[in-house]
Structure formats: structure tokens, C-alpha cells
N, C-alpha and C. Protein backbone atom coordinates (compact mmCIF):
# COMPACT_ATOMS: atom_id res chain seq x y z
N MET A 1 -6.36 -22.18 -39.89
CA MET A 1 -5.25 -21.96 -40.79
C MET A 1 -4.48 -20.72 -40.33
N SER A 2 -3.19 -20.75 -40.38
CA SER A 2 -2.38 -19.64 -39.88
C SER A 2 -2.37 -18.48 -40.89
N LEU A 3 -2.01 -17.31 -40.37
CA LEU A 3 -2.02 -16.08 -41.18
C LEU A 3 -1.17 -16.19 -42.44
N PRO A 4 0.08 -16.69 -42.38
CA PRO A 4 0.86 -16.77 -43.61
C PRO A 4 0.19 -17.63 -44.69
N TYR A 5 -0.43 -18.75 -44.31
CA TYR A 5 -1.11 -19.58 -45.28
C TYR A 5 -2.35 -18.90 -45.86
N LEU A 6 -3.06 -18.17 -45.02
CA LEU A 6 -4.23 -17.40 -45.52
C LEU A 6 -3.77 -16.35 -46.53
N ILE A 7 -2.71 -15.65 -46.23
CA ILE A 7 -2.19 -14.62 -47.14
C ILE A 7 -1.73 -15.28 -48.44
N LEU A 8 -1.04 -16.40 -48.35
CA LEU A 8 -0.60 -17.11 -49.57
C LEU A 8 -1.81 -17.56 -50.39
N LEU A 9 -2.81 -18.10 -49.76
CA LEU A 9 -4.02 -18.52 -50.45
C LEU A 9 -4.72 -17.33 -51.12
N THR A 10 -4.72 -16.18 -50.43
CA THR A 10 -5.31 -14.98 -51.01
C THR A 10 -4.53 -14.55 -52.25
N ILE A 11 -3.22 -14.54 -52.16
CA ILE A 11 -2.38 -14.14 -53.30
C ILE A 11 -2.60 -15.08 -54.48
N LEU A 12 -2.60 -16.40 -54.19
CA LEU A 12 -2.81 -17.37 -55.27
C LEU A 12 -4.18 -17.25 -55.88
N GLY A 13 -5.21 -17.14 -55.04
CA GLY A 13 -6.58 -17.03 -55.55
C GLY A 13 -6.79 -15.77 -56.36
N TRP A 14 -6.38 -14.63 -55.82
CA TRP A 14 -6.57 -13.36 -56.53
C TRP A 14 -5.65 -13.26 -57.72
N GLY A 15 -4.42 -13.74 -57.58
CA GLY A 15 -3.45 -13.65 -58.69
C GLY A 15 -3.87 -14.49 -59.89
N ILE A 16 -4.19 -15.76 -59.63
CA ILE A 16 -4.59 -16.65 -60.72
C ILE A 16 -5.98 -16.28 -61.22
N GLY A 17 -6.87 -15.90 -60.28
CA GLY A 17 -8.22 -15.46 -60.68
C GLY A 17 -8.17 -14.28 -61.60
N SER A 18 -7.32 -13.29 -61.27
CA SER A 18 -7.20 -12.09 -62.09
C SER A 18 -6.66 -12.44 -63.49
N LEU A 19 -5.80 -13.43 -63.55
CA LEU A 19 -5.31 -13.91 -64.86
C LEU A 19 -6.44 -14.44 -65.69
N CYS A 20 -7.39 -15.10 -65.08
CA CYS A 20 -8.55 -15.69 -65.80
C CYS A 20 -9.53 -14.62 -66.31
N TYR A 21 -9.55 -13.46 -65.67
CA TYR A 21 -10.53 -12.44 -66.03
C TYR A 21 -10.29 -11.83 -67.41
N LYS A 22 -9.06 -11.69 -67.84
CA LYS A 22 -8.80 -11.09 -69.15
C LYS A 22 -9.36 -11.94 -70.28
N PRO A 23 -9.05 -13.25 -70.35
CA PRO A 23 -9.67 -14.04 -71.41
C PRO A 23 -11.19 -14.14 -71.26
N ALA A 24 -11.69 -14.10 -70.03
CA ALA A 24 -13.14 -14.11 -69.84
C ALA A 24 -13.75 -12.84 -70.45
N ASN A 25 -13.07 -11.70 -70.23
CA ASN A 25 -13.55 -10.44 -70.79
C ASN A 25 -13.41 -10.39 -72.30
N ASP A 26 -12.42 -11.09 -72.83
CA ASP A 26 -12.27 -11.15 -74.28
C ASP A 26 -13.39 -11.99 -74.91
N ALA A 27 -13.94 -12.93 -74.14
CA ALA A 27 -14.95 -13.85 -74.66
C ALA A 27 -16.37 -13.37 -74.37
N MET A 28 -16.58 -12.52 -73.34
CA MET A 28 -17.92 -12.11 -72.94
C MET A 28 -17.91 -10.64 -72.53
N HIS A 29 -19.09 -10.07 -72.41
CA HIS A 29 -19.27 -8.72 -71.93
C HIS A 29 -18.88 -8.67 -70.43
N PRO A 30 -18.30 -7.54 -69.96
CA PRO A 30 -17.90 -7.43 -68.56
C PRO A 30 -19.01 -7.69 -67.55
N ILE A 31 -20.24 -7.32 -67.88
CA ILE A 31 -21.36 -7.59 -66.96
C ILE A 31 -21.59 -9.10 -66.83
N MET A 32 -21.41 -9.84 -67.93
CA MET A 32 -21.55 -11.29 -67.85
C MET A 32 -20.44 -11.94 -67.04
N VAL A 33 -19.23 -11.37 -67.17
CA VAL A 33 -18.11 -11.87 -66.37
C VAL A 33 -18.40 -11.61 -64.90
N THR A 34 -18.84 -10.42 -64.55
CA THR A 34 -19.18 -10.11 -63.16
C THR A 34 -20.26 -11.04 -62.65
N THR A 35 -21.26 -11.29 -63.47
CA THR A 35 -22.35 -12.20 -63.09
C THR A 35 -21.83 -13.59 -62.79
N THR A 36 -20.94 -14.10 -63.65
CA THR A 36 -20.36 -15.42 -63.46
C THR A 36 -19.56 -15.47 -62.17
N VAL A 37 -18.75 -14.45 -61.92
CA VAL A 37 -17.97 -14.40 -60.68
C VAL A 37 -18.92 -14.42 -59.47
N THR A 38 -19.99 -13.63 -59.54
CA THR A 38 -20.93 -13.56 -58.44
C THR A 38 -21.60 -14.93 -58.20
N VAL A 39 -21.95 -15.61 -59.28
CA VAL A 39 -22.55 -16.94 -59.15
C VAL A 39 -21.60 -17.90 -58.43
N MET A 40 -20.31 -17.79 -58.72
CA MET A 40 -19.33 -18.65 -58.02
C MET A 40 -19.29 -18.34 -56.52
N TYR A 41 -19.38 -17.05 -56.16
CA TYR A 41 -19.47 -16.71 -54.74
C TYR A 41 -20.69 -17.37 -54.10
N VAL A 42 -21.83 -17.26 -54.79
CA VAL A 42 -23.08 -17.80 -54.27
C VAL A 42 -22.99 -19.31 -54.13
N LEU A 43 -22.36 -19.98 -55.07
CA LEU A 43 -22.24 -21.44 -55.01
C LEU A 43 -21.25 -21.92 -53.96
N LEU A 44 -20.17 -21.16 -53.76
CA LEU A 44 -19.12 -21.60 -52.82
C LEU A 44 -19.40 -21.22 -51.37
N THR A 45 -20.18 -20.19 -51.14
CA THR A 45 -20.43 -19.76 -49.76
C THR A 45 -21.12 -20.82 -48.92
N PRO A 46 -22.12 -21.56 -49.43
CA PRO A 46 -22.70 -22.63 -48.58
C PRO A 46 -21.68 -23.68 -48.16
N LEU A 47 -20.67 -23.92 -49.00
CA LEU A 47 -19.61 -24.86 -48.61
C LEU A 47 -18.87 -24.37 -47.37
N ALA A 48 -18.65 -23.05 -47.31
CA ALA A 48 -17.98 -22.48 -46.14
C ALA A 48 -18.82 -22.73 -44.89
N PHE A 49 -20.13 -22.61 -45.01
CA PHE A 49 -20.99 -22.85 -43.86
C PHE A 49 -20.93 -24.32 -43.41
N LEU A 50 -20.79 -25.20 -44.38
CA LEU A 50 -20.76 -26.62 -44.05
C LEU A 50 -19.39 -27.08 -43.55
N LEU A 51 -18.33 -26.53 -44.10
CA LEU A 51 -16.99 -27.05 -43.81
C LEU A 51 -16.21 -26.31 -42.74
N LEU A 52 -16.54 -25.05 -42.52
CA LEU A 52 -15.78 -24.23 -41.58
C LEU A 52 -16.55 -23.98 -40.29
N LYS A 53 -15.81 -24.00 -39.19
CA LYS A 53 -16.43 -23.67 -37.92
C LYS A 53 -16.14 -22.20 -37.64
N PHE A 54 -17.21 -21.41 -37.48
CA PHE A 54 -17.03 -19.98 -37.21
C PHE A 54 -18.26 -19.47 -36.46
N ASP A 55 -18.11 -18.31 -35.83
CA ASP A 55 -19.21 -17.67 -35.11
C ASP A 55 -20.21 -17.12 -36.11
N LYS A 56 -21.44 -17.58 -36.06
CA LYS A 56 -22.47 -17.20 -37.05
C LYS A 56 -23.37 -16.08 -36.54
N THR A 57 -22.86 -15.29 -35.59
CA THR A 57 -23.63 -14.17 -35.05
C THR A 57 -23.87 -13.15 -36.16
N VAL A 58 -25.10 -12.61 -36.22
CA VAL A 58 -25.47 -11.60 -37.20
C VAL A 58 -25.91 -10.36 -36.44
N THR A 59 -25.40 -9.20 -36.87
CA THR A 59 -25.80 -7.93 -36.27
C THR A 59 -26.24 -6.97 -37.38
N TRP A 60 -27.05 -6.00 -37.01
CA TRP A 60 -27.50 -5.01 -38.01
C TRP A 60 -26.34 -4.19 -38.53
N SER A 61 -25.42 -3.82 -37.65
CA SER A 61 -24.27 -3.04 -38.13
C SER A 61 -23.38 -3.87 -39.05
N GLY A 62 -23.23 -5.14 -38.71
CA GLY A 62 -22.46 -6.04 -39.56
C GLY A 62 -23.08 -6.20 -40.93
N ILE A 63 -24.41 -6.33 -40.95
CA ILE A 63 -25.13 -6.43 -42.23
C ILE A 63 -24.98 -5.14 -43.03
N GLY A 64 -25.12 -4.01 -42.36
CA GLY A 64 -25.04 -2.71 -43.04
C GLY A 64 -23.67 -2.47 -43.67
N TYR A 65 -22.62 -2.67 -42.87
CA TYR A 65 -21.27 -2.45 -43.38
C TYR A 65 -20.92 -3.45 -44.48
N SER A 66 -21.28 -4.71 -44.30
CA SER A 66 -20.95 -5.70 -45.32
C SER A 66 -21.75 -5.47 -46.60
N ALA A 67 -23.01 -5.01 -46.48
CA ALA A 67 -23.81 -4.70 -47.66
C ALA A 67 -23.23 -3.51 -48.41
N LEU A 68 -22.85 -2.46 -47.66
CA LEU A 68 -22.22 -1.29 -48.30
C LEU A 68 -20.92 -1.68 -48.94
N GLY A 69 -20.09 -2.45 -48.24
CA GLY A 69 -18.83 -2.93 -48.81
C GLY A 69 -19.04 -3.76 -50.06
N GLY A 70 -20.04 -4.64 -50.00
CA GLY A 70 -20.35 -5.48 -51.17
C GLY A 70 -20.80 -4.66 -52.37
N ALA A 71 -21.63 -3.64 -52.13
CA ALA A 71 -22.08 -2.78 -53.22
C ALA A 71 -20.90 -2.02 -53.83
N LEU A 72 -20.03 -1.50 -52.99
CA LEU A 72 -18.86 -0.76 -53.49
C LEU A 72 -17.90 -1.70 -54.21
N MET A 73 -17.73 -2.92 -53.70
CA MET A 73 -16.87 -3.89 -54.36
C MET A 73 -17.47 -4.27 -55.73
N ALA A 74 -18.79 -4.36 -55.82
CA ALA A 74 -19.43 -4.69 -57.11
C ALA A 74 -19.17 -3.57 -58.11
N ILE A 75 -19.30 -2.32 -57.67
CA ILE A 75 -19.03 -1.19 -58.58
C ILE A 75 -17.58 -1.24 -59.04
N GLY A 76 -16.66 -1.49 -58.09
CA GLY A 76 -15.25 -1.62 -58.45
C GLY A 76 -15.02 -2.77 -59.40
N SER A 77 -15.69 -3.89 -59.20
CA SER A 77 -15.53 -5.04 -60.09
C SER A 77 -16.06 -4.70 -61.50
N PHE A 78 -17.19 -4.06 -61.59
CA PHE A 78 -17.69 -3.67 -62.93
C PHE A 78 -16.66 -2.79 -63.63
N ALA A 79 -16.13 -1.78 -62.90
CA ALA A 79 -15.15 -0.88 -63.52
C ALA A 79 -13.89 -1.65 -63.92
N TYR A 80 -13.45 -2.58 -63.08
CA TYR A 80 -12.27 -3.39 -63.37
C TYR A 80 -12.45 -4.24 -64.64
N PHE A 81 -13.62 -4.90 -64.73
CA PHE A 81 -13.86 -5.73 -65.91
C PHE A 81 -13.99 -4.90 -67.17
N PHE A 82 -14.57 -3.73 -67.07
CA PHE A 82 -14.64 -2.84 -68.24
C PHE A 82 -13.24 -2.36 -68.61
N ALA A 83 -12.40 -2.08 -67.60
CA ALA A 83 -11.03 -1.65 -67.87
C ALA A 83 -10.24 -2.74 -68.60
N LEU A 84 -10.49 -4.01 -68.22
CA LEU A 84 -9.80 -5.11 -68.88
C LEU A 84 -10.13 -5.21 -70.36
N LYS A 85 -11.31 -4.69 -70.73
CA LYS A 85 -11.66 -4.66 -72.18
C LYS A 85 -10.77 -3.68 -72.92
N LYS A 86 -10.21 -2.68 -72.22
CA LYS A 86 -9.46 -1.61 -72.87
C LYS A 86 -7.95 -1.74 -72.74
N GLY A 87 -7.47 -2.64 -71.87
CA GLY A 87 -6.04 -2.72 -71.65
C GLY A 87 -5.58 -4.10 -71.22
N GLY A 88 -4.27 -4.20 -70.94
CA GLY A 88 -3.67 -5.46 -70.55
C GLY A 88 -3.95 -5.84 -69.11
N ALA A 89 -4.08 -7.12 -68.87
CA ALA A 89 -4.38 -7.62 -67.53
C ALA A 89 -3.27 -7.28 -66.53
N GLY A 90 -2.01 -7.41 -66.96
CA GLY A 90 -0.90 -7.14 -66.04
C GLY A 90 -0.88 -5.71 -65.54
N GLU A 91 -1.01 -4.77 -66.46
CA GLU A 91 -0.98 -3.35 -66.07
C GLU A 91 -2.20 -2.94 -65.27
N ILE A 92 -3.37 -3.32 -65.75
CA ILE A 92 -4.60 -2.93 -65.08
C ILE A 92 -4.70 -3.53 -63.68
N THR A 93 -4.35 -4.79 -63.57
CA THR A 93 -4.42 -5.44 -62.26
C THR A 93 -3.42 -4.83 -61.30
N THR A 94 -2.24 -4.52 -61.80
CA THR A 94 -1.22 -3.90 -60.93
C THR A 94 -1.64 -2.52 -60.45
N VAL A 95 -2.15 -1.71 -61.36
CA VAL A 95 -2.53 -0.34 -60.99
C VAL A 95 -3.74 -0.36 -60.06
N THR A 96 -4.74 -1.17 -60.39
CA THR A 96 -5.95 -1.20 -59.54
C THR A 96 -5.66 -1.87 -58.21
N ALA A 97 -4.57 -2.62 -58.13
CA ALA A 97 -4.21 -3.26 -56.86
C ALA A 97 -3.71 -2.24 -55.85
N LEU A 98 -3.71 -0.97 -56.21
CA LEU A 98 -3.33 0.07 -55.26
C LEU A 98 -4.46 0.40 -54.28
N TYR A 99 -5.60 -0.23 -54.43
CA TYR A 99 -6.70 0.08 -53.53
C TYR A 99 -6.35 -0.06 -52.06
N PRO A 100 -5.43 -0.95 -51.66
CA PRO A 100 -5.04 -0.97 -50.22
C PRO A 100 -4.46 0.33 -49.74
N ALA A 101 -3.80 1.09 -50.63
CA ALA A 101 -3.26 2.40 -50.20
C ALA A 101 -4.41 3.34 -49.80
N LEU A 102 -5.49 3.31 -50.57
CA LEU A 102 -6.67 4.11 -50.23
C LEU A 102 -7.27 3.61 -48.92
N THR A 103 -7.36 2.29 -48.78
CA THR A 103 -7.89 1.73 -47.54
C THR A 103 -7.05 2.16 -46.35
N LEU A 104 -5.73 2.17 -46.51
CA LEU A 104 -4.83 2.57 -45.43
C LEU A 104 -5.10 4.02 -45.00
N VAL A 105 -5.17 4.91 -45.97
CA VAL A 105 -5.42 6.33 -45.68
C VAL A 105 -6.79 6.50 -45.01
N LEU A 106 -7.82 5.88 -45.59
CA LEU A 106 -9.17 6.01 -45.02
C LEU A 106 -9.27 5.38 -43.63
N SER A 107 -8.55 4.28 -43.41
CA SER A 107 -8.59 3.65 -42.07
C SER A 107 -7.94 4.54 -41.03
N MET A 108 -6.94 5.34 -41.44
CA MET A 108 -6.34 6.28 -40.52
C MET A 108 -7.31 7.42 -40.20
N ILE A 109 -8.04 7.90 -41.22
CA ILE A 109 -8.93 9.01 -41.03
C ILE A 109 -10.23 8.60 -40.31
N ILE A 110 -10.82 7.51 -40.76
CA ILE A 110 -12.15 7.11 -40.26
C ILE A 110 -12.05 6.20 -39.03
N LEU A 111 -11.15 5.23 -39.08
CA LEU A 111 -11.04 4.24 -38.00
C LEU A 111 -9.95 4.58 -36.99
N HIS A 112 -9.23 5.68 -37.24
CA HIS A 112 -8.18 6.15 -36.35
C HIS A 112 -7.08 5.11 -36.13
N GLU A 113 -6.76 4.37 -37.21
CA GLU A 113 -5.67 3.41 -37.14
C GLU A 113 -4.36 4.15 -37.26
N GLU A 114 -3.31 3.58 -36.70
CA GLU A 114 -2.01 4.22 -36.65
C GLU A 114 -1.24 3.94 -37.96
N LEU A 115 -0.53 4.98 -38.43
CA LEU A 115 0.36 4.81 -39.58
C LEU A 115 1.75 4.50 -39.03
N THR A 116 2.22 3.29 -39.30
CA THR A 116 3.57 2.92 -38.88
C THR A 116 4.52 3.17 -40.05
N TRP A 117 5.81 3.14 -39.76
CA TRP A 117 6.78 3.37 -40.82
C TRP A 117 6.71 2.27 -41.85
N ARG A 118 6.43 1.01 -41.43
CA ARG A 118 6.29 -0.11 -42.38
C ARG A 118 5.12 0.11 -43.33
N LYS A 119 3.98 0.55 -42.79
CA LYS A 119 2.83 0.83 -43.65
C LYS A 119 3.16 1.93 -44.65
N GLY A 120 3.79 2.98 -44.15
CA GLY A 120 4.14 4.13 -45.00
C GLY A 120 5.09 3.73 -46.13
N VAL A 121 6.13 2.96 -45.78
CA VAL A 121 7.09 2.51 -46.79
C VAL A 121 6.40 1.58 -47.77
N GLY A 122 5.55 0.72 -47.30
CA GLY A 122 4.82 -0.21 -48.18
C GLY A 122 3.97 0.53 -49.19
N VAL A 123 3.24 1.54 -48.74
CA VAL A 123 2.40 2.34 -49.63
C VAL A 123 3.27 3.10 -50.63
N LEU A 124 4.35 3.66 -50.15
CA LEU A 124 5.27 4.40 -51.03
C LEU A 124 5.83 3.46 -52.13
N LEU A 125 6.25 2.26 -51.75
CA LEU A 125 6.75 1.33 -52.73
C LEU A 125 5.69 0.91 -53.73
N ALA A 126 4.44 0.77 -53.27
CA ALA A 126 3.35 0.44 -54.17
C ALA A 126 3.11 1.55 -55.18
N LEU A 127 3.16 2.79 -54.70
CA LEU A 127 2.97 3.94 -55.60
C LEU A 127 4.10 4.03 -56.62
N VAL A 128 5.33 3.78 -56.19
CA VAL A 128 6.46 3.77 -57.12
C VAL A 128 6.29 2.65 -58.16
N SER A 129 5.83 1.50 -57.73
CA SER A 129 5.63 0.40 -58.70
C SER A 129 4.61 0.76 -59.74
N VAL A 130 3.54 1.48 -59.35
CA VAL A 130 2.55 1.90 -60.34
C VAL A 130 3.16 2.86 -61.34
N LEU A 131 3.97 3.78 -60.86
CA LEU A 131 4.63 4.72 -61.76
C LEU A 131 5.52 3.99 -62.75
N VAL A 132 6.30 3.02 -62.25
CA VAL A 132 7.19 2.25 -63.11
C VAL A 132 6.42 1.43 -64.13
N LEU A 133 5.36 0.76 -63.67
CA LEU A 133 4.60 -0.09 -64.58
C LEU A 133 3.77 0.69 -65.59
N SER A 134 3.40 1.90 -65.27
CA SER A 134 2.58 2.70 -66.20
C SER A 134 3.42 3.58 -67.09
N TRP A 135 4.71 3.58 -66.92
CA TRP A 135 5.63 4.38 -67.72
C TRP A 135 5.69 3.82 -69.13
N LYS A 136 5.49 4.68 -70.11
CA LYS A 136 5.52 4.21 -71.51
C LYS A 136 6.73 4.68 -72.23
């Protein structure tokens, strides 16, 4: 699948999925919502193994980084679902969606990735959008 289609699928999945999280949080405790989301990952991952062709090489560094990333994503998810209990889905999802700005800065510091003018303008626009959306 080409990059534009993957990005579109990501936007649709995360956008519609995030819409589902608010009513889920209204109906259940955030830990139960996180558990349900995790179960869906566990159920759908074997389908990826069956349906997709990909390199199944496993390395210790790959396991370590993905485990650390998974643990940090779980903490972020718990905090996100608890935040949804306290506020609106549109505002919370928009503000927390600034995490790529943090990733950009950390990737420059830790991974020595280059900051291009497009990346800089994109992060600036994201920060401005948060200010506008959080303005009361």
C-alpha cells in the first residue's frame, strides 16, 4: 500500500477511533476502556501475520525499543482516557495530538534528525492550533 493511503488509513482509524473513546469512557472506567482497546490489538495482530507479507526478523534491540515504546504508549493511553472523563473529546484529542511535536524535538536531539523548514512550520501551526482550540 502506498504512503498516501497508509496516512489516510491512519487518519481515519485514529480519528474515528478517538471519537469512539469518549462514549466508551462515559460508559466505563478508563482502565476498562484501555483494556478493551488492548484486547482489540491482541485479536487483530494475528490477522496481520496471516494476511501481510513482511520481514519477521526479531532483534533484542527491536524488542527493547518496542517494549519501552509500548509501555510509554500505555501510560499515555491511560492518561488520555482519564482526561476524556474530565473534558470534551474534540479539545482533548486535539491538544494531546501535539505529541508529534515532542517526537520531532526528541528525534532531533536523540536521533540527530534534521529540522527542515516544513517540519518547523508544521510544528508551529500545530502549536497555534492548540492555542486557538484551548482559548476560552
